Amino acid sequence: MDDSKDNIINELKNKIKTIISLYENQKNNNKELEDNNRELNEKLILLENKISDVEEKYENLKLARALITPGDEGTHEAKIKVNRIVREIDKCIALLNR
């Protein structure tokens, strides 16, 4: 009877060791995934910033091209953009005066 109990105890110990090992492996895997996720989020933020910079440069280029290129379409678009910029400046001045 003691031999049977010892076998059961040994099997339980082995199963517990296996579960602990699986837990540790999963814990390490989760840490790697979290690190990878953090890196990808940082890259995403950098790329989003680059996109907004490129979009701003593109808008400035369109405005410059509209100012340089003669024609009704370019002139009209340039006037609209200049008016928008003037309104933004006026808003900033109004905020500063408060």
PDB file of N, CA and C in Angstrom:
ATOM      1  N   MET A   1       0.810  -1.185   0.000  1.00  0.00           N
ATOM      2  CA  MET A   1       0.000   0.000   0.000  1.00  0.00           C
ATOM      3  C   MET A   1       0.862   1.261   0.000  1.00  0.00           C
ATOM      4  N   ASP A   2       1.942   1.261   0.737  1.00  0.00           N
ATOM      5  CA  ASP A   2       2.838   2.407   0.795  1.00  0.00           C
ATOM      6  C   ASP A   2       3.466   2.669  -0.562  1.00  0.00           C
ATOM      7  N   ASP A   3       3.748   1.610  -1.279  1.00  0.00           N
ATOM      8  CA  ASP A   3       4.345   1.747  -2.619  1.00  0.00           C
ATOM      9  C   ASP A   3       3.367   2.442  -3.564  1.00  0.00           C
ATOM     10  N   SER A   4       2.104   2.125  -3.446  1.00  0.00           N
ATOM     11  CA  SER A   4       1.078   2.745  -4.276  1.00  0.00           C
ATOM     12  C   SER A   4       0.943   4.228  -3.944  1.00  0.00           C
ATOM     13  N   LYS A   5       0.995   4.558  -2.677  1.00  0.00           N
ATOM     14  CA  LYS A   5       0.904   5.953  -2.258  1.00  0.00           C
ATOM     15  C   LYS A   5       2.128   6.734  -2.738  1.00  0.00           C
ATOM     16  N   ASP A   6       3.281   6.114  -2.659  1.00  0.00           N
ATOM     17  CA  ASP A   6       4.505   6.766  -3.131  1.00  0.00           C
ATOM     18  C   ASP A   6       4.435   7.030  -4.630  1.00  0.00           C
ATOM     19  N   ASN A   7       3.892   6.085  -5.378  1.00  0.00           N
ATOM     20  CA  ASN A   7       3.742   6.270  -6.828  1.00  0.00           C
ATOM     21  C   ASN A   7       2.803   7.431  -7.139  1.00  0.00           C
ATOM     22  N   ILE A   8       1.712   7.486  -6.394  1.00  0.00           N
ATOM     23  CA  ILE A   8       0.742   8.566  -6.597  1.00  0.00           C
ATOM     24  C   ILE A   8       1.385   9.910  -6.262  1.00  0.00           C
ATOM     25  N   ILE A   9       2.127   9.971  -5.169  1.00  0.00           N
ATOM     26  CA  ILE A   9       2.795  11.201  -4.759  1.00  0.00           C
ATOM     27  C   ILE A   9       3.833  11.609  -5.805  1.00  0.00           C
ATOM     28  N   ASN A  10       4.593  10.655  -6.302  1.00  0.00           N
ATOM     29  CA  ASN A  10       5.600  10.943  -7.330  1.00  0.00           C
ATOM     30  C   ASN A  10       4.955  11.434  -8.621  1.00  0.00           C
ATOM     31  N   GLU A  11       3.856  10.818  -8.986  1.00  0.00           N
ATOM     32  CA  GLU A  11       3.143  11.265 -10.186  1.00  0.00           C
ATOM     33  C   GLU A  11       2.620  12.689 -10.002  1.00  0.00           C
ATOM     34  N   LEU A  12       2.100  12.961  -8.822  1.00  0.00           N
ATOM     35  CA  LEU A  12       1.615  14.306  -8.526  1.00  0.00           C
ATOM     36  C   LEU A  12       2.751  15.315  -8.580  1.00  0.00           C
ATOM     37  N   LYS A  13       3.891  14.991  -8.007  1.00  0.00           N
ATOM     38  CA  LYS A  13       5.049  15.870  -8.039  1.00  0.00           C
ATOM     39  C   LYS A  13       5.474  16.135  -9.471  1.00  0.00           C
ATOM     40  N   ASN A  14       5.514  15.089 -10.290  1.00  0.00           N
ATOM     41  CA  ASN A  14       5.905  15.241 -11.694  1.00  0.00           C
ATOM     42  C   ASN A  14       4.913  16.126 -12.451  1.00  0.00           C
ATOM     43  N   LYS A  15       3.646  15.920 -12.184  1.00  0.00           N
ATOM     44  CA  LYS A  15       2.633  16.739 -12.857  1.00  0.00           C
ATOM     45  C   LYS A  15       2.730  18.195 -12.417  1.00  0.00           C
ATOM     46  N   ILE A  16       2.987  18.419 -11.140  1.00  0.00           N
ATOM     47  CA  ILE A  16       3.137  19.781 -10.638  1.00  0.00           C
ATOM     48  C   ILE A  16       4.357  20.442 -11.271  1.00  0.00           C
ATOM     49  N   LYS A  17       5.461  19.701 -11.361  1.00  0.00           N
ATOM     50  CA  LYS A  17       6.663  20.243 -12.011  1.00  0.00           C
ATOM     51  C   LYS A  17       6.383  20.591 -13.468  1.00  0.00           C
ATOM     52  N   THR A  18       5.632  19.715 -14.136  1.00  0.00           N
ATOM     53  CA  THR A  18       5.287  19.971 -15.527  1.00  0.00           C
ATOM     54  C   THR A  18       4.426  21.221 -15.645  1.00  0.00           C
ATOM     55  N   ILE A  19       3.460  21.373 -14.764  1.00  0.00           N
ATOM     56  CA  ILE A  19       2.580  22.547 -14.787  1.00  0.00           C
ATOM     57  C   ILE A  19       3.383  23.807 -14.507  1.00  0.00           C
ATOM     58  N   ILE A  20       4.295  23.746 -13.541  1.00  0.00           N
ATOM     59  CA  ILE A  20       5.130  24.908 -13.227  1.00  0.00           C
ATOM     60  C   ILE A  20       6.001  25.270 -14.417  1.00  0.00           C
ATOM     61  N   SER A  21       6.558  24.263 -15.059  1.00  0.00           N
ATOM     62  CA  SER A  21       7.389  24.505 -16.247  1.00  0.00           C
ATOM     63  C   SER A  21       6.570  25.140 -17.368  1.00  0.00           C
ATOM     64  N   LEU A  22       5.377  24.630 -17.600  1.00  0.00           N
ATOM     65  CA  LEU A  22       4.495  25.203 -18.622  1.00  0.00           C
ATOM     66  C   LEU A  22       4.120  26.646 -18.269  1.00  0.00           C
ATOM     67  N   TYR A  23       3.876  26.887 -17.010  1.00  0.00           N
ATOM     68  CA  TYR A  23       3.542  28.238 -16.560  1.00  0.00           C
ATOM     69  C   TYR A  23       4.705  29.194 -16.820  1.00  0.00           C
ATOM     70  N   GLU A  24       5.919  28.773 -16.456  1.00  0.00           N
ATOM     71  CA  GLU A  24       7.097  29.612 -16.675  1.00  0.00           C
ATOM     72  C   GLU A  24       7.309  29.890 -18.166  1.00  0.00           C
ATOM     73  N   ASN A  25       7.130  28.873 -18.988  1.00  0.00           N
ATOM     74  CA  ASN A  25       7.262  29.061 -20.440  1.00  0.00           C
ATOM     75  C   ASN A  25       6.232  30.053 -20.960  1.00  0.00           C
ATOM     76  N   GLN A  26       5.015  29.928 -20.495  1.00  0.00           N
ATOM     77  CA  GLN A  26       3.953  30.834 -20.934  1.00  0.00           C
ATOM     78  C   GLN A  26       4.220  32.248 -20.441  1.00  0.00           C
ATOM     79  N   LYS A  27       4.719  32.359 -19.231  1.00  0.00           N
ATOM     80  CA  LYS A  27       5.042  33.657 -18.668  1.00  0.00           C
ATOM     81  C   LYS A  27       6.136  34.343 -19.491  1.00  0.00           C
ATOM     82  N   ASN A  28       7.156  33.601 -19.873  1.00  0.00           N
ATOM     83  CA  ASN A  28       8.225  34.157 -20.719  1.00  0.00           C
ATOM     84  C   ASN A  28       7.691  34.538 -22.094  1.00  0.00           C
ATOM     85  N   ASN A  29       6.840  33.708 -22.638  1.00  0.00           N
ATOM     86  CA  ASN A  29       6.242  33.987 -23.944  1.00  0.00           C
ATOM     87  C   ASN A  29       5.400  35.263 -23.883  1.00  0.00           C
ATOM     88  N   ASN A  30       4.640  35.434 -22.824  1.00  0.00           N
ATOM     89  CA  ASN A  30       3.832  36.651 -22.651  1.00  0.00           C
ATOM     90  C   ASN A  30       4.710  37.884 -22.555  1.00  0.00           C
ATOM     91  N   LYS A  31       5.818  37.773 -21.826  1.00  0.00           N
ATOM     92  CA  LYS A  31       6.736  38.908 -21.703  1.00  0.00           C
ATOM     93  C   LYS A  31       7.306  39.283 -23.063  1.00  0.00           C
ATOM     94  N   GLU A  32       7.698  38.291 -23.841  1.00  0.00           N
ATOM     95  CA  GLU A  32       8.220  38.565 -25.191  1.00  0.00           C
ATOM     96  C   GLU A  32       7.163  39.241 -26.048  1.00  0.00           C
ATOM     97  N   LEU A  33       5.940  38.762 -25.966  1.00  0.00           N
ATOM     98  CA  LEU A  33       4.851  39.354 -26.750  1.00  0.00           C
ATOM     99  C   LEU A  33       4.561  40.789 -26.304  1.00  0.00           C
ATOM    100  N   GLU A  34       4.606  41.044 -25.009  1.00  0.00           N
ATOM    101  CA  GLU A  34       4.391  42.400 -24.506  1.00  0.00           C
ATOM    102  C   GLU A  34       5.499  43.338 -24.982  1.00  0.00           C
ATOM    103  N   ASP A  35       6.744  42.856 -24.952  1.00  0.00           N
ATOM    104  CA  ASP A  35       7.858  43.668 -25.438  1.00  0.00           C
ATOM    105  C   ASP A  35       7.702  43.966 -26.929  1.00  0.00           C
ATOM    106  N   ASN A  36       7.326  42.945 -27.678  1.00  0.00           N
ATOM    107  CA  ASN A  36       7.117  43.109 -29.117  1.00  0.00           C
ATOM    108  C   ASN A  36       5.981  44.097 -29.380  1.00  0.00           C
ATOM    109  N   ASN A  37       4.920  43.989 -28.607  1.00  0.00           N
ATOM    110  CA  ASN A  37       3.776  44.904 -28.751  1.00  0.00           C
ATOM    111  C   ASN A  37       4.201  46.333 -28.450  1.00  0.00           C
ATOM    112  N   ARG A  38       5.000  46.514 -27.412  1.00  0.00           N
ATOM    113  CA  ARG A  38       5.475  47.851 -27.051  1.00  0.00           C
ATOM    114  C   ARG A  38       6.328  48.436 -28.175  1.00  0.00           C
ATOM    115  N   GLU A  39       7.218  47.628 -28.725  1.00  0.00           N
ATOM    116  CA  GLU A  39       8.063  48.090 -29.835  1.00  0.00           C
ATOM    117  C   GLU A  39       7.214  48.478 -31.043  1.00  0.00           C
ATOM    118  N   LEU A  40       6.232  47.648 -31.357  1.00  0.00           N
ATOM    119  CA  LEU A  40       5.373  47.938 -32.507  1.00  0.00           C
ATOM    120  C   LEU A  40       4.557  49.207 -32.282  1.00  0.00           C
ATOM    121  N   ASN A  41       4.095  49.433 -31.058  1.00  0.00           N
ATOM    122  CA  ASN A  41       3.352  50.661 -30.760  1.00  0.00           C
ATOM    123  C   ASN A  41       4.245  51.885 -30.910  1.00  0.00           C
ATOM    124  N   GLU A  42       5.504  51.771 -30.479  1.00  0.00           N
ATOM    125  CA  GLU A  42       6.434  52.888 -30.634  1.00  0.00           C
ATOM    126  C   GLU A  42       6.692  53.169 -32.114  1.00  0.00           C
ATOM    127  N   LYS A  43       6.861  52.105 -32.900  1.00  0.00           N
ATOM    128  CA  LYS A  43       7.064  52.282 -34.340  1.00  0.00           C
ATOM    129  C   LYS A  43       5.835  52.919 -34.977  1.00  0.00           C
ATOM    130  N   LEU A  44       4.654  52.498 -34.535  1.00  0.00           N
ATOM    131  CA  LEU A  44       3.416  53.057 -35.070  1.00  0.00           C
ATOM    132  C   LEU A  44       3.332  54.548 -34.793  1.00  0.00           C
ATOM    133  N   ILE A  45       3.685  54.950 -33.585  1.00  0.00           N
ATOM    134  CA  ILE A  45       3.650  56.375 -33.232  1.00  0.00           C
ATOM    135  C   ILE A  45       4.626  57.152 -34.104  1.00  0.00           C
ATOM    136  N   LEU A  46       5.836  56.603 -34.289  1.00  0.00           N
ATOM    137  CA  LEU A  46       6.822  57.281 -35.133  1.00  0.00           C
ATOM    138  C   LEU A  46       6.315  57.405 -36.570  1.00  0.00           C
ATOM    139  N   LEU A  47       5.718  56.345 -37.082  1.00  0.00           N
ATOM    140  CA  LEU A  47       5.210  56.386 -38.459  1.00  0.00           C
ATOM    141  C   LEU A  47       4.040  57.351 -38.599  1.00  0.00           C
ATOM    142  N   GLU A  48       3.182  57.397 -37.588  1.00  0.00           N
ATOM    143  CA  GLU A  48       2.073  58.361 -37.632  1.00  0.00           C
ATOM    144  C   GLU A  48       2.604  59.793 -37.631  1.00  0.00           C
ATOM    145  N   ASN A  49       3.651  60.042 -36.837  1.00  0.00           N
ATOM    146  CA  ASN A  49       4.257  61.376 -36.828  1.00  0.00           C
ATOM    147  C   ASN A  49       4.867  61.704 -38.185  1.00  0.00           C
ATOM    148  N   LYS A  50       5.521  60.718 -38.798  1.00  0.00           N
ATOM    149  CA  LYS A  50       6.104  60.938 -40.122  1.00  0.00           C
ATOM    150  C   LYS A  50       5.013  61.244 -41.134  1.00  0.00           C
ATOM    151  N   ILE A  51       3.915  60.516 -41.049  1.00  0.00           N
ATOM    152  CA  ILE A  51       2.807  60.735 -41.981  1.00  0.00           C
ATOM    153  C   ILE A  51       2.268  62.149 -41.829  1.00  0.00           C
ATOM    154  N   SER A  52       2.078  62.602 -40.602  1.00  0.00           N
ATOM    155  CA  SER A  52       1.541  63.952 -40.415  1.00  0.00           C
ATOM    156  C   SER A  52       2.542  64.998 -40.913  1.00  0.00           C
ATOM    157  N   ASP A  53       3.844  64.753 -40.712  1.00  0.00           N
ATOM    158  CA  ASP A  53       4.853  65.682 -41.236  1.00  0.00           C
ATOM    159  C   ASP A  53       4.814  65.735 -42.755  1.00  0.00           C
ATOM    160  N   VAL A  54       4.711  64.561 -43.376  1.00  0.00           N
ATOM    161  CA  VAL A  54       4.676  64.512 -44.839  1.00  0.00           C
ATOM    162  C   VAL A  54       3.407  65.179 -45.364  1.00  0.00           C
ATOM    163  N   GLU A  55       2.281  64.961 -44.673  1.00  0.00           N
ATOM    164  CA  GLU A  55       1.038  65.609 -45.109  1.00  0.00           C
ATOM    165  C   GLU A  55       1.148  67.127 -44.999  1.00  0.00           C
ATOM    166  N   GLU A  56       1.775  67.604 -43.937  1.00  0.00           N
ATOM    167  CA  GLU A  56       1.947  69.045 -43.769  1.00  0.00           C
ATOM    168  C   GLU A  56       2.859  69.599 -44.870  1.00  0.00           C
ATOM    169  N   LYS A  57       3.935  68.888 -45.161  1.00  0.00           N
ATOM    170  CA  LYS A  57       4.837  69.326 -46.229  1.00  0.00           C
ATOM    171  C   LYS A  57       4.127  69.312 -47.575  1.00  0.00           C
ATOM    172  N   TYR A  58       3.282  68.318 -47.783  1.00  0.00           N
ATOM    173  CA  TYR A  58       2.531  68.233 -49.031  1.00  0.00           C
ATOM    174  C   TYR A  58       1.583  69.428 -49.172  1.00  0.00           C
ATOM    175  N   GLU A  59       0.903  69.771 -48.089  1.00  0.00           N
ATOM    176  CA  GLU A  59       0.007  70.922 -48.126  1.00  0.00           C
ATOM    177  C   GLU A  59       0.785  72.205 -48.403  1.00  0.00           C
ATOM    178  N   ASN A  60       1.953  72.345 -47.779  1.00  0.00           N
ATOM    179  CA  ASN A  60       2.785  73.524 -48.028  1.00  0.00           C
ATOM    180  C   ASN A  60       3.258  73.563 -49.477  1.00  0.00           C
ATOM    181  N   LEU A  61       3.593  72.404 -50.009  1.00  0.00           N
ATOM    182  CA  LEU A  61       4.028  72.328 -51.405  1.00  0.00           C
ATOM    183  C   LEU A  61       2.879  72.700 -52.343  1.00  0.00           C
ATOM    184  N   LYS A  62       1.676  72.221 -52.025  1.00  0.00           N
ATOM    185  CA  LYS A  62       0.525  72.580 -52.852  1.00  0.00           C
ATOM    186  C   LYS A  62       0.285  74.082 -52.818  1.00  0.00           C
ATOM    187  N   LEU A  63       0.420  74.678 -51.637  1.00  0.00           N
ATOM    188  CA  LEU A  63       0.227  76.120 -51.507  1.00  0.00           C
ATOM    189  C   LEU A  63       1.297  76.863 -52.301  1.00  0.00           C
ATOM    190  N   ALA A  64       2.548  76.433 -52.175  1.00  0.00           N
ATOM    191  CA  ALA A  64       3.630  77.084 -52.916  1.00  0.00           C
ATOM    192  C   ALA A  64       3.416  76.948 -54.414  1.00  0.00           C
ATOM    193  N   ARG A  65       3.012  75.775 -54.841  1.00  0.00           N
ATOM    194  CA  ARG A  65       2.768  75.552 -56.271  1.00  0.00           C
ATOM    195  C   ARG A  65       1.606  76.416 -56.753  1.00  0.00           C
ATOM    196  N   ALA A  66       0.584  76.548 -55.911  1.00  0.00           N
ATOM    197  CA  ALA A  66      -0.568  77.361 -56.292  1.00  0.00           C
ATOM    198  C   ALA A  66      -0.178  78.828 -56.400  1.00  0.00           C
ATOM    199  N   LEU A  67       0.736  79.277 -55.538  1.00  0.00           N
ATOM    200  CA  LEU A  67       1.172  80.667 -55.603  1.00  0.00           C
ATOM    201  C   LEU A  67       2.050  80.924 -56.822  1.00  0.00           C
ATOM    202  N   ILE A  68       2.832  79.920 -57.196  1.00  0.00           N
ATOM    203  CA  ILE A  68       3.771  80.088 -58.314  1.00  0.00           C
ATOM    204  C   ILE A  68       3.091  79.876 -59.656  1.00  0.00           C
ATOM    205  N   THR A  69       2.226  78.881 -59.731  1.00  0.00           N
ATOM    206  CA  THR A  69       1.592  78.520 -60.993  1.00  0.00           C
ATOM    207  C   THR A  69       0.514  79.525 -61.352  1.00  0.00           C
ATOM    208  N   PRO A  70       0.618  80.119 -62.523  1.00  0.00           N
ATOM    209  CA  PRO A  70      -0.441  81.053 -62.930  1.00  0.00           C
ATOM    210  C   PRO A  70      -1.683  80.284 -63.358  1.00  0.00           C
ATOM    211  N   GLY A  71      -2.801  80.925 -63.206  1.00  0.00           N
ATOM    212  CA  GLY A  71      -4.059  80.302 -63.622  1.00  0.00           C
ATOM    213  C   GLY A  71      -5.124  80.540 -62.581  1.00  0.00           C
ATOM    214  N   ASP A  72      -6.359  80.446 -63.018  1.00  0.00           N
ATOM    215  CA  ASP A  72      -7.484  80.713 -62.128  1.00  0.00           C
ATOM    216  C   ASP A  72      -7.582  79.688 -61.006  1.00  0.00           C
ATOM    217  N   GLU A  73      -7.385  78.424 -61.355  1.00  0.00           N
ATOM    218  CA  GLU A  73      -7.543  77.360 -60.371  1.00  0.00           C
ATOM    219  C   GLU A  73      -6.505  77.487 -59.260  1.00  0.00           C
ATOM    220  N   GLY A  74      -5.266  77.692 -59.610  1.00  0.00           N
ATOM    221  CA  GLY A  74      -4.192  77.813 -58.630  1.00  0.00           C
ATOM    222  C   GLY A  74      -4.341  79.059 -57.786  1.00  0.00           C
ATOM    223  N   THR A  75      -4.719  80.151 -58.398  1.00  0.00           N
ATOM    224  CA  THR A  75      -4.874  81.407 -57.675  1.00  0.00           C
ATOM    225  C   THR A  75      -6.019  81.319 -56.678  1.00  0.00           C
ATOM    226  N   HIS A  76      -7.114  80.730 -57.111  1.00  0.00           N
ATOM    227  CA  HIS A  76      -8.277  80.594 -56.218  1.00  0.00           C
ATOM    228  C   HIS A  76      -7.924  79.719 -55.015  1.00  0.00           C
ATOM    229  N   GLU A  77      -7.272  78.606 -55.274  1.00  0.00           N
ATOM    230  CA  GLU A  77      -6.877  77.706 -54.190  1.00  0.00           C
ATOM    231  C   GLU A  77      -5.895  78.399 -53.246  1.00  0.00           C
ATOM    232  N   ALA A  78      -4.979  79.162 -53.796  1.00  0.00           N
ATOM    233  CA  ALA A  78      -3.995  79.886 -52.980  1.00  0.00           C
ATOM    234  C   ALA A  78      -4.697  80.905 -52.095  1.00  0.00           C
ATOM    235  N   LYS A  79      -5.689  81.618 -52.657  1.00  0.00           N
ATOM    236  CA  LYS A  79      -6.418  82.612 -51.866  1.00  0.00           C
ATOM    237  C   LYS A  79      -7.153  81.950 -50.708  1.00  0.00           C
ATOM    238  N   ILE A  80      -7.752  80.819 -50.978  1.00  0.00           N
ATOM    239  CA  ILE A  80      -8.484  80.095 -49.928  1.00  0.00           C
ATOM    240  C   ILE A  80      -7.517  79.689 -48.808  1.00  0.00           C
ATOM    241  N   LYS A  81      -6.370  79.169 -49.170  1.00  0.00           N
ATOM    242  CA  LYS A  81      -5.405  78.726 -48.164  1.00  0.00           C
ATOM    243  C   LYS A  81      -4.823  79.907 -47.391  1.00  0.00           C
ATOM    244  N   VAL A  82      -4.534  80.974 -48.084  1.00  0.00           N
ATOM    245  CA  VAL A  82      -4.006  82.160 -47.401  1.00  0.00           C
ATOM    246  C   VAL A  82      -5.053  82.707 -46.438  1.00  0.00           C
ATOM    247  N   ASN A  83      -6.314  82.733 -46.854  1.00  0.00           N
ATOM    248  CA  ASN A  83      -7.382  83.190 -45.972  1.00  0.00           C
ATOM    249  C   ASN A  83      -7.511  82.299 -44.739  1.00  0.00           C
ATOM    250  N   ARG A  84      -7.379  80.998 -44.943  1.00  0.00           N
ATOM    251  CA  ARG A  84      -7.435  80.067 -43.815  1.00  0.00           C
ATOM    252  C   ARG A  84      -6.289  80.334 -42.843  1.00  0.00           C
ATOM    253  N   ILE A  85      -5.108  80.548 -43.369  1.00  0.00           N
ATOM    254  CA  ILE A  85      -3.940  80.824 -42.529  1.00  0.00           C
ATOM    255  C   ILE A  85      -4.125  82.135 -41.777  1.00  0.00           C
ATOM    256  N   VAL A  86      -4.660  83.141 -42.449  1.00  0.00           N
ATOM    257  CA  VAL A  86      -4.894  84.443 -41.795  1.00  0.00           C
ATOM    258  C   VAL A  86      -5.915  84.280 -40.671  1.00  0.00           C
ATOM    259  N   ARG A  87      -6.969  83.497 -40.887  1.00  0.00           N
ATOM    260  CA  ARG A  87      -7.965  83.269 -39.834  1.00  0.00           C
ATOM    261  C   ARG A  87      -7.325  82.572 -38.635  1.00  0.00           C
ATOM    262  N   GLU A  88      -6.448  81.586 -38.889  1.00  0.00           N
ATOM    263  CA  GLU A  88      -5.768  80.901 -37.791  1.00  0.00           C
ATOM    264  C   GLU A  88      -4.874  81.868 -37.020  1.00  0.00           C
ATOM    265  N   ILE A  89      -4.193  82.752 -37.723  1.00  0.00           N
ATOM    266  CA  ILE A  89      -3.346  83.753 -37.068  1.00  0.00           C
ATOM    267  C   ILE A  89      -4.203  84.699 -36.244  1.00  0.00           C
ATOM    268  N   ASP A  90      -5.342  85.122 -36.795  1.00  0.00           N
ATOM    269  CA  ASP A  90      -6.249  85.998 -36.049  1.00  0.00           C
ATOM    270  C   ASP A  90      -6.741  85.322 -34.770  1.00  0.00           C
ATOM    271  N   LYS A  91      -7.049  84.032 -34.843  1.00  0.00           N
ATOM    272  CA  LYS A  91      -7.493  83.304 -33.655  1.00  0.00           C
ATOM    273  C   LYS A  91      -6.378  83.274 -32.611  1.00  0.00           C
ATOM    274  N   CYS A  92      -5.150  83.066 -33.046  1.00  0.00           N
ATOM    275  CA  CYS A  92      -4.018  83.030 -32.123  1.00  0.00           C
ATOM    276  C   CYS A  92      -3.824  84.411 -31.460  1.00  0.00           C
ATOM    277  N   ILE A  93      -3.934  85.446 -32.245  1.00  0.00           N
ATOM    278  CA  ILE A  93      -3.791  86.795 -31.699  1.00  0.00           C
ATOM    279  C   ILE A  93      -4.894  87.081 -30.693  1.00  0.00           C
ATOM    280  N   ALA A  94      -6.113  86.660 -31.022  1.00  0.00           N
ATOM    281  CA  ALA A  94      -7.237  86.873 -30.097  1.00  0.00           C
ATOM    282  C   ALA A  94      -6.998  86.133 -28.793  1.00  0.00           C
ATOM    283  N   LEU A  95      -6.454  84.922 -28.871  1.00  0.00           N
ATOM    284  CA  LEU A  95      -6.162  84.158 -27.654  1.00  0.00           C
ATOM    285  C   LEU A  95      -5.061  84.823 -26.838  1.00  0.00           C
ATOM    286  N   LEU A  96      -4.089  85.399 -27.511  1.00  0.00           N
ATOM    287  CA  LEU A  96      -2.997  86.080 -26.804  1.00  0.00           C
ATOM    288  C   LEU A  96      -3.481  87.346 -26.110  1.00  0.00           C
ATOM    289  N   ASN A  97      -4.464  88.010 -26.702  1.00  0.00           N
ATOM    290  CA  ASN A  97      -4.987  89.253 -26.133  1.00  0.00           C
ATOM    291  C   ASN A  97      -5.852  89.016 -24.910  1.00  0.00           C
ATOM    292  N   ARG A  98      -6.281  87.822 -24.673  1.00  0.00           N
ATOM    293  CA  ARG A  98      -7.164  87.542 -23.528  1.00  0.00           C
ATOM    294  C   ARG A  98      -6.417  87.585 -22.237  1.00  0.00           C
TER     295      ARG A  98
END
